[in-house]
Amino acid sequence: MLRPDLLAALRGLAPAFIRWPGGSFASTYKWQDGIGPPASRVYHPNEIWGGYSDYYGFGTDEYLELTRQLGADPLIVLPAPDDSPASVEYAMNWVHYVNDPPTTTWAQMRARNGHPEPYGVRYFQIDNEPMNNGSTPERYAALVNLYGSRLRQIAPQAVIIACGQKRSNDMAWSEKVIDLAGNNFDVLGVHNYEYESDLFESGVRRIRDYLLKLRDYVRASAHRGIKLAVLEWNLSRTYDWRAGLHAAGSLILYESLTPELTMTSPALLMRNTTDDPTWTAFIYHDHVSWFPGAGYVVEKLFREHFADTYLASTSGTFRDSGTRASFFTDISQMKPEGWQPGTVDAIATAAADGRRIVVKAVNHSGSPNTLLVHLQGSRVPAAATVTVYTIAAGLRDTASLEKADRIKPLERMLEYRPDLAIDLPPYAVAVVEIAAR
């Protein structure tokens, strides 16, 4: 039931996990209506997402088959609309269905639906965007304590995720959930959509400020083991090149906050071209083909050149120096002239064996800039290959079904040396991979 071209599109991102269902719809999702023979599944009008017909044809088993084929962990969002015993039981039965050993009633139902062995789902989130359904942080924290404590009993090895703030930099919601329910979850998943397309750069700085405050709050709290996640993020009103620049800045930020920021996932992931265009996605398809949004192109490039050991990061630019050769020697006592925030963000990471260094950069500016890279230390390779991948486009350039590869990376080689100067065109994303020979 999975289209090969769309499966290949998802595989291009090599997702570590896929979260489902999402949006406020997750609070009302009736999982038992989405299992069993497709012809017997129950129709639901999706009132939260515009009232369109939802026949639950893509349900639990289809979702878990998708994650299996992609080699991704599933992250199931459990509905937690209230504290009634019936609602708690309904959510917990979903956990039983996917994870019980073959001998239980729920496992036997799973076997009748074609999967006798447990799925072994590890990640569960307790509801999603409860503030959209009128919840206060205190009420939601009580639900996390109720559902989370039951989940610990049923699935002791589970990673439990609670829902933090939604876009706003108001810390009150997240702080309350940490303080009141921190014993009953492991990861706090916040959301960050940037709704103003021209704020593709400043929106990254806004979420950076929030995540740093949240990180420091967790460090000072009684629940210092809580990890952070950004489980819905995107430049949500466009899929043009501004969304690509926003994706690059966001991913560089997220990498710089590891290991305390442990999970991120963009949204929306996939949409039909006939859907309401208000909300945009990474993958667009009709009934026969697909094309990537700009965020997809950047995320795919960054995923293909990922190295998980953090080395350094930087943000902003200043006036060029006439003595670039001594720049890194003198930087500790230099006064940066013409400092400009909101221009270039960059990060350097390394593979575990130290034989591969990756530098990622984004130039948010309409002017060209130069990124200086200085390699130092005992593990700097004596000889290496330097490959640069660059994506540059006009701010409102987009791909389409007719021109699916309109925005794509270009590859070039540089001569290896310990000091590199990487020219960044206006509105460009670059990845530099240094591979030891």
Protein backbone atom coordinates (compact mmCIF):
# COMPACT_ATOMS: atom_id res chain seq x y z
CA MET A 1 0.00 0.00 0.00
CA LEU A 2 3.04 2.31 -0.13
CA ARG A 3 3.83 4.15 -3.35
CA PRO A 4 7.44 3.37 -4.32
CA ASP A 5 8.24 6.96 -5.38
CA LEU A 6 6.98 8.47 -2.13
CA LEU A 7 8.72 5.78 -0.10
CA ALA A 8 11.94 6.70 -1.93
CA ALA A 9 11.32 10.37 -1.17
CA LEU A 10 11.03 9.62 2.53
CA ARG A 11 14.03 7.31 2.40
CA GLY A 12 16.06 10.21 1.00
CA LEU A 13 15.79 11.91 4.41
CA ALA A 14 16.93 8.77 6.30
CA PRO A 15 14.66 9.65 9.24
CA ALA A 16 15.74 8.35 12.63
CA PHE A 17 12.08 8.38 13.70
CA ILE A 18 8.66 9.31 12.36
CA ARG A 19 6.01 10.78 14.66
CA TRP A 20 2.32 10.03 14.13
CA PRO A 21 -0.39 11.18 14.34
CA GLY A 22 0.36 14.89 14.61
CA GLY A 23 -1.36 18.22 15.06
CA SER A 24 -4.39 18.74 17.27
CA PHE A 25 -5.93 15.80 15.39
CA ALA A 26 -3.81 13.51 17.59
CA SER A 27 -5.97 14.39 20.62
CA THR A 28 -9.08 12.98 18.94
CA TYR A 29 -7.59 10.11 16.92
CA LYS A 30 -9.58 6.87 17.35
CA TRP A 31 -6.87 4.29 16.82
CA GLN A 32 -9.19 1.26 17.04
CA ASP A 33 -11.08 2.54 13.99
CA GLY A 34 -7.84 2.42 11.97
CA ILE A 35 -6.97 -1.27 12.30
CA GLY A 36 -8.28 -4.38 10.59
CA PRO A 37 -9.57 -4.81 7.02
CA PRO A 38 -9.72 -1.41 5.26
CA ALA A 39 -13.30 -2.02 4.11
CA SER A 40 -14.46 -2.30 7.73
CA ARG A 41 -12.82 0.86 9.03
CA VAL A 42 -14.92 3.71 10.34
CA TYR A 43 -15.29 7.05 8.58
CA HIS A 44 -14.50 10.18 10.58
CA PRO A 45 -14.92 13.76 9.40
CA ASN A 46 -11.68 15.49 10.37
CA GLU A 47 -13.19 18.60 11.90
CA ILE A 48 -9.89 19.99 13.18
CA TRP A 49 -8.26 19.94 9.73
CA GLY A 50 -11.14 21.34 7.71
CA GLY A 51 -13.80 18.64 7.82
CA TYR A 52 -12.51 16.51 4.94
CA SER A 53 -13.26 12.80 4.72
CA ASP A 54 -10.94 10.51 6.66
CA TYR A 55 -11.60 6.81 6.17
CA TYR A 56 -8.65 5.79 8.40
CA GLY A 57 -7.11 3.85 5.54
CA PHE A 58 -3.64 4.68 6.86
CA GLY A 59 -3.74 3.29 10.38
CA THR A 60 -1.45 1.81 13.00
CA ASP A 61 -0.26 -1.22 11.06
CA GLU A 62 0.33 0.77 7.86
CA TYR A 63 2.28 3.39 9.83
CA LEU A 64 4.44 0.79 11.55
CA GLU A 65 5.09 -0.95 8.23
CA LEU A 66 6.23 2.39 6.83
CA THR A 67 8.69 2.92 9.68
CA ARG A 68 9.94 -0.66 9.30
CA GLN A 69 10.68 -0.17 5.62
CA LEU A 70 12.46 3.12 6.36
CA GLY A 71 14.44 1.73 9.29
CA ALA A 72 12.98 4.49 11.48
CA ASP A 73 11.74 4.35 15.05
CA PRO A 74 8.00 4.97 15.41
CA LEU A 75 6.85 7.66 17.83
CA ILE A 76 3.16 7.20 18.62
CA VAL A 77 1.18 10.15 19.97
CA LEU A 78 -1.38 8.81 22.45
CA PRO A 79 -4.67 10.69 22.81
CA ALA A 80 -5.12 12.03 26.36
CA PRO A 81 -8.23 14.22 26.15
CA ASP A 82 -9.22 13.89 29.81
CA ASP A 83 -8.64 11.95 33.03
CA SER A 84 -11.57 9.54 32.73
CA PRO A 85 -10.73 5.86 33.27
CA ALA A 86 -12.16 5.07 29.83
CA SER A 87 -9.85 7.54 28.07
CA VAL A 88 -6.78 6.31 29.95
CA GLU A 89 -7.66 2.70 29.16
CA TYR A 90 -8.21 3.50 25.48
CA ALA A 91 -4.72 5.02 25.19
CA MET A 92 -3.06 2.20 27.13
CA ASN A 93 -4.75 -0.41 24.97
CA TRP A 94 -2.95 1.10 21.99
CA VAL A 95 0.34 0.38 23.77
CA HIS A 96 -0.85 -3.17 24.45
CA TYR A 97 -1.79 -3.63 20.79
CA VAL A 98 1.64 -2.67 19.45
CA ASN A 99 3.84 -4.20 22.17
CA ASP A 100 2.13 -7.10 23.96
CA PRO A 101 3.61 -10.61 23.68
CA PRO A 102 1.61 -12.99 21.45
CA THR A 103 -0.46 -14.48 24.28
CA THR A 104 -2.69 -11.50 25.20
CA THR A 105 -6.04 -10.50 23.76
CA TRP A 106 -4.64 -7.37 22.13
CA ALA A 107 -1.73 -9.32 20.65
CA GLN A 108 -4.12 -11.86 19.20
CA MET A 109 -6.02 -9.01 17.54
CA ARG A 110 -2.71 -7.72 16.17
CA ALA A 111 -1.95 -11.21 14.82
CA ARG A 112 -5.33 -11.34 13.06
CA ASN A 113 -4.34 -8.07 11.40
CA GLY A 114 -1.19 -9.65 10.01
CA HIS A 115 1.50 -8.98 12.62
CA PRO A 116 1.80 -11.72 15.29
CA GLU A 117 5.09 -10.44 16.75
CA PRO A 118 5.27 -7.33 18.96
CA TYR A 119 6.29 -4.14 17.17
CA GLY A 120 8.50 -3.06 20.08
CA VAL A 121 7.57 0.63 19.97
CA ARG A 122 9.79 2.61 22.35
CA TYR A 123 8.63 6.21 21.91
CA PHE A 124 5.24 7.46 23.11
CA GLN A 125 4.01 11.03 23.43
CA ILE A 126 1.18 11.99 25.76
CA ASP A 127 -1.27 14.00 23.64
CA ASN A 128 -0.30 16.86 21.35
CA GLU A 129 -0.86 20.62 21.50
CA PRO A 130 -3.33 20.29 24.41
CA MET A 131 -3.43 24.07 24.68
CA ASN A 132 -5.38 24.07 21.41
CA ASN A 133 -8.12 22.13 23.18
CA GLY A 134 -8.39 24.60 26.05
CA SER A 135 -6.03 22.88 28.49
CA THR A 136 -4.03 24.77 31.10
CA PRO A 137 -0.46 23.67 31.89
CA GLU A 138 -1.62 22.51 35.32
CA ARG A 139 -4.35 20.34 33.83
CA TYR A 140 -2.01 18.92 31.21
CA ALA A 141 0.66 18.18 33.84
CA ALA A 142 -1.95 16.20 35.78
CA LEU A 143 -2.71 14.20 32.62
CA VAL A 144 1.01 13.53 32.09
CA ASN A 145 1.25 12.23 35.65
CA LEU A 146 -1.79 10.01 35.14
CA TYR A 147 -0.98 8.62 31.69
CA GLY A 148 2.79 8.63 32.22
CA SER A 149 2.65 6.60 35.42
CA ARG A 150 0.41 4.01 33.72
CA LEU A 151 2.71 3.91 30.73
CA ARG A 152 5.71 3.26 32.98
CA GLN A 153 3.91 0.18 34.35
CA ILE A 154 2.94 -1.18 30.92
CA ALA A 155 6.16 -0.32 29.05
CA PRO A 156 9.02 0.24 31.54
CA GLN A 157 11.56 0.75 28.74
CA ALA A 158 9.49 3.40 26.93
CA VAL A 159 10.75 6.92 26.29
CA ILE A 160 7.83 9.13 27.34
CA ILE A 161 7.42 12.54 25.72
CA ALA A 162 5.39 15.45 27.06
CA CYS A 163 4.22 18.42 25.04
CA GLY A 164 5.90 21.75 25.79
CA GLN A 165 5.12 25.22 24.49
CA LYS A 166 3.84 25.96 21.02
CA ARG A 167 5.94 28.63 19.27
CA SER A 168 5.53 31.35 21.90
CA ASN A 169 8.61 32.30 23.91
CA ASP A 170 6.43 32.38 27.03
CA MET A 171 8.13 29.82 29.26
CA ALA A 172 5.20 29.39 31.67
CA TRP A 173 3.68 26.30 30.02
CA SER A 174 6.94 24.35 29.77
CA GLU A 175 8.10 25.36 33.25
CA LYS A 176 4.84 24.19 34.83
CA VAL A 177 4.94 20.84 33.03
CA ILE A 178 8.57 20.29 34.10
CA ASP A 179 7.89 21.24 37.72
CA LEU A 180 4.60 19.36 38.14
CA ALA A 181 5.14 16.27 35.98
CA GLY A 182 8.89 15.90 35.53
CA ASN A 183 8.94 12.48 37.21
CA ASN A 184 6.64 10.99 34.60
CA PHE A 185 8.26 11.86 31.28
CA ASP A 186 11.71 11.78 29.70
CA VAL A 187 11.61 14.29 26.82
CA LEU A 188 9.86 17.66 26.55
CA GLY A 189 8.81 18.20 22.94
CA VAL A 190 8.21 21.82 21.96
CA HIS A 191 6.87 23.12 18.64
CA ASN A 192 8.12 26.03 16.59
CA TYR A 193 6.43 27.15 13.41
CA GLU A 194 7.52 30.45 11.92
CA TYR A 195 4.38 31.90 10.34
CA GLU A 196 5.97 34.96 8.70
CA SER A 197 7.89 33.83 5.62
CA ASP A 198 10.22 36.85 5.56
CA LEU A 199 11.36 36.05 9.10
CA PHE A 200 13.18 32.95 7.86
CA GLU A 201 16.32 34.03 9.73
CA SER A 202 15.05 35.91 12.79
CA GLY A 203 12.63 33.06 13.52
CA VAL A 204 15.66 30.84 14.08
CA ARG A 205 17.11 33.32 16.57
CA ARG A 206 13.76 33.49 18.37
CA ILE A 207 13.63 29.73 18.94
CA ARG A 208 17.35 29.72 19.83
CA ASP A 209 16.68 32.16 22.67
CA TYR A 210 13.77 30.05 23.90
CA LEU A 211 15.64 26.74 23.73
CA LEU A 212 18.62 28.15 25.61
CA LYS A 213 16.34 29.43 28.38
CA LEU A 214 14.54 26.09 28.48
CA ARG A 215 17.82 24.17 28.60
CA ASP A 216 19.03 26.29 31.50
CA TYR A 217 15.69 25.89 33.31
CA VAL A 218 15.95 22.10 33.07
CA ARG A 219 19.54 22.20 34.32
CA ALA A 220 18.44 24.16 37.41
CA SER A 221 15.29 22.11 38.03
CA ALA A 222 14.70 19.01 40.14
CA HIS A 223 14.44 17.04 36.87
CA ARG A 224 17.83 17.59 35.26
CA GLY A 225 17.61 14.36 33.27
CA ILE A 226 14.85 15.67 31.00
CA LYS A 227 15.93 15.99 27.35
CA LEU A 228 14.51 18.48 24.86
CA ALA A 229 13.02 18.00 21.41
CA VAL A 230 11.52 20.20 18.68
CA LEU A 231 8.86 17.90 17.27
CA GLU A 232 7.12 20.26 14.84
CA TRP A 233 9.05 23.00 13.06
CA ASN A 234 9.00 24.67 9.66
CA LEU A 235 8.63 27.96 7.85
CA SER A 236 5.01 27.01 7.67
CA ARG A 237 3.52 29.33 5.05
CA THR A 238 5.85 28.76 2.11
CA TYR A 239 7.94 26.03 0.52
CA ASP A 240 10.09 28.41 -1.55
CA TRP A 241 13.82 28.95 -0.95
CA ARG A 242 13.12 30.97 2.20
CA ALA A 243 11.96 27.68 3.73
CA GLY A 244 15.30 26.12 2.73
CA LEU A 245 17.27 28.89 4.43
CA HIS A 246 15.09 28.56 7.52
CA ALA A 247 15.64 24.78 7.53
CA ALA A 248 19.41 25.24 7.33
CA GLY A 249 19.49 27.74 10.18
CA SER A 250 17.20 25.54 12.28
CA LEU A 251 19.21 22.36 11.73
CA ILE A 252 22.50 24.11 12.52
CA LEU A 253 20.93 25.41 15.74
CA TYR A 254 19.60 22.00 16.69
CA GLU A 255 22.96 20.31 16.13
CA SER A 256 24.68 22.93 18.28
CA LEU A 257 22.40 22.13 21.24
CA THR A 258 23.16 18.41 21.40
CA PRO A 259 23.20 16.28 23.50
CA GLU A 260 20.48 18.02 25.52
CA LEU A 261 18.36 18.54 22.40
CA THR A 262 17.88 14.93 21.39
CA MET A 263 15.10 14.82 18.76
CA THR A 264 13.77 17.11 16.03
CA SER A 265 11.25 16.57 13.25
CA PRO A 266 9.91 18.96 10.61
CA ALA A 267 6.22 19.28 9.86
CA LEU A 268 4.33 19.00 7.71
CA LEU A 269 6.17 16.11 6.14
CA MET A 270 4.03 15.21 3.12
CA ARG A 271 1.01 16.80 1.37
CA ASN A 272 -1.07 16.39 -1.73
CA THR A 273 -0.83 19.31 -4.13
CA THR A 274 -4.60 19.77 -3.93
CA ASP A 275 -4.59 20.30 -0.15
CA ASP A 276 -5.19 23.67 1.50
CA PRO A 277 -2.01 25.65 0.63
CA THR A 278 -2.02 27.59 3.91
CA TRP A 279 0.24 25.02 5.56
CA THR A 280 3.28 23.86 3.64
CA ALA A 281 5.33 20.66 3.71
CA PHE A 282 8.61 19.05 2.74
CA ILE A 283 7.20 16.64 0.12
CA TYR A 284 4.45 17.49 -2.39
CA HIS A 285 2.74 14.89 -4.55
CA ASP A 286 -0.14 14.33 -6.90
CA HIS A 287 -1.43 10.89 -7.91
CA VAL A 288 1.64 10.02 -10.02
CA SER A 289 4.71 12.05 -9.01
CA TRP A 290 6.22 14.36 -6.40
CA PHE A 291 8.57 17.30 -5.89
CA PRO A 292 10.55 18.57 -2.89
CA GLY A 293 9.93 21.73 -0.95
CA ALA A 294 13.10 23.72 -0.30
CA GLY A 295 13.31 22.46 3.28
CA TYR A 296 13.48 18.89 1.99
CA VAL A 297 16.45 19.66 -0.26
CA VAL A 298 18.42 21.14 2.64
CA GLU A 299 17.48 18.46 5.16
CA LYS A 300 18.47 15.72 2.70
CA LEU A 301 21.85 17.35 2.07
CA PHE A 302 22.52 17.79 5.78
CA ARG A 303 21.44 14.22 6.51
CA GLU A 304 23.75 12.81 3.84
CA HIS A 305 26.68 14.68 5.43
CA PHE A 306 25.97 14.19 9.09
CA ALA A 307 28.71 13.74 11.69
CA ASP A 308 27.64 13.50 15.30
CA THR A 309 30.56 14.91 17.32
CA TYR A 310 30.18 18.64 17.93
CA LEU A 311 33.32 20.75 17.40
CA ALA A 312 32.37 24.42 17.11
CA SER A 313 29.71 26.83 15.87
CA THR A 314 29.41 30.51 15.08
CA SER A 315 26.82 33.10 14.14
CA GLY A 316 27.14 36.53 12.49
CA THR A 317 29.77 38.25 10.36
CA PHE A 318 32.11 41.21 10.56
CA ARG A 319 34.23 43.30 8.23
CA ASP A 320 36.90 41.38 6.33
CA SER A 321 40.44 41.41 7.65
CA GLY A 322 43.44 42.34 5.55
CA THR A 323 45.50 39.80 7.47
CA ARG A 324 43.51 36.63 7.09
CA ALA A 325 46.67 34.55 7.52
CA SER A 326 46.98 35.64 11.17
CA PHE A 327 43.26 35.88 11.85
CA PHE A 328 42.91 32.81 14.07
CA THR A 329 46.16 33.59 15.90
CA ASP A 330 44.95 37.07 16.80
CA ILE A 331 41.22 36.46 17.26
CA SER A 332 41.36 36.35 21.07
CA GLN A 333 42.43 40.01 21.15
CA MET A 334 40.69 41.32 18.03
CA LYS A 335 37.89 43.83 18.08
CA PRO A 336 35.34 42.70 15.45
CA GLU A 337 34.53 45.64 13.17
CA GLY A 338 31.15 46.03 11.53
CA TRP A 339 29.53 43.16 13.39
CA GLN A 340 26.34 41.94 11.69
CA PRO A 341 24.09 39.40 13.42
CA GLY A 342 21.58 37.47 11.38
CA THR A 343 23.90 36.88 8.44
CA VAL A 344 25.83 33.58 8.56
CA ASP A 345 25.30 30.60 10.85
CA ALA A 346 27.79 27.72 10.74
CA ILE A 347 28.69 24.56 12.63
CA ALA A 348 31.56 22.07 12.48
CA THR A 349 31.15 18.43 13.49
CA ALA A 350 33.26 15.29 13.16
CA ALA A 351 32.76 11.58 12.69
CA ALA A 352 33.56 9.43 15.72
CA ASP A 353 36.83 8.20 14.21
CA GLY A 354 37.96 11.76 13.45
CA ARG A 355 38.61 11.01 9.78
CA ARG A 356 35.74 13.11 8.49
CA ILE A 357 34.94 16.72 9.37
CA VAL A 358 31.74 18.39 8.20
CA VAL A 359 31.14 22.15 8.14
CA LYS A 360 27.59 23.34 7.46
CA ALA A 361 26.78 27.00 6.81
CA VAL A 362 23.89 29.19 5.73
CA ASN A 363 24.16 32.74 4.42
CA HIS A 364 20.85 34.41 5.24
CA SER A 365 22.10 37.66 3.71
CA GLY A 366 21.46 39.12 0.28
CA SER A 367 25.21 39.85 0.05
CA PRO A 368 28.04 37.35 -0.44
CA ASN A 369 30.05 36.38 2.64
CA THR A 370 33.13 34.28 3.32
CA LEU A 371 33.42 31.58 5.96
CA LEU A 372 36.92 31.03 7.33
CA VAL A 373 37.76 27.56 8.63
CA HIS A 374 40.92 26.79 10.62
CA LEU A 375 41.79 23.16 11.41
CA GLN A 376 43.98 22.60 14.43
CA GLY A 377 44.91 19.81 16.83
CA SER A 378 46.76 16.51 16.72
CA ARG A 379 44.04 14.77 14.66
CA VAL A 380 44.10 17.20 11.74
CA PRO A 381 44.72 15.01 8.67
CA ALA A 382 47.98 15.42 6.75
CA ALA A 383 46.11 14.81 3.49
CA ALA A 384 42.41 15.05 2.76
CA THR A 385 39.77 15.55 0.10
CA VAL A 386 37.64 18.70 0.41
CA THR A 387 34.22 18.64 -1.24
CA VAL A 388 31.87 21.63 -1.18
CA TYR A 389 28.13 21.33 -1.85
CA THR A 390 26.32 24.63 -2.40
CA ILE A 391 22.65 25.45 -2.88
CA ALA A 392 21.81 29.01 -3.93
CA ALA A 393 18.50 30.35 -5.26
CA GLY A 394 16.26 33.37 -5.32
CA LEU A 395 14.19 33.79 -2.17
CA ARG A 396 10.94 32.94 -3.93
CA ASP A 397 12.26 30.20 -6.21
CA THR A 398 10.35 26.92 -5.93
CA ALA A 399 10.42 23.46 -7.40
CA SER A 400 7.30 22.03 -9.03
CA LEU A 401 5.93 18.81 -10.48
CA GLU A 402 7.27 19.97 -13.85
CA LYS A 403 10.69 21.08 -12.51
CA ALA A 404 11.28 18.89 -9.49
CA ASP A 405 15.05 19.54 -9.40
CA ARG A 406 14.93 23.31 -9.81
CA ILE A 407 16.63 23.76 -6.42
CA LYS A 408 19.52 21.36 -5.94
CA PRO A 409 23.10 21.27 -4.61
CA LEU A 410 26.10 21.84 -6.85
CA GLU A 411 29.34 20.04 -6.05
CA ARG A 412 32.94 21.27 -6.38
CA MET A 413 36.36 20.33 -5.00
CA LEU A 414 38.79 22.52 -3.07
CA GLU A 415 42.48 22.10 -2.48
CA TYR A 416 43.08 20.82 1.03
CA ARG A 417 44.84 23.05 3.54
CA PRO A 418 44.43 23.71 7.28
CA ASP A 419 42.99 27.17 6.53
CA LEU A 420 40.04 27.26 4.15
CA ALA A 421 38.02 30.18 2.82
CA ILE A 422 34.52 29.16 1.72
CA ASP A 423 32.76 31.71 -0.46
CA LEU A 424 29.02 31.86 0.28
CA PRO A 425 26.83 33.45 -2.42
CA PRO A 426 23.78 35.48 -1.32
CA TYR A 427 21.03 33.35 0.19
CA ALA A 428 23.10 30.18 0.05
CA VAL A 429 23.52 26.95 1.98
CA ALA A 430 26.85 25.12 1.94
CA VAL A 431 28.23 21.84 3.24
CA VAL A 432 31.99 21.28 3.33
CA GLU A 433 33.15 17.70 3.84
CA ILE A 434 36.82 17.12 4.70
CA ALA A 435 37.68 13.42 4.38
CA ALA A 436 41.12 12.19 5.44
CA ARG A 437 43.06 10.24 2.84
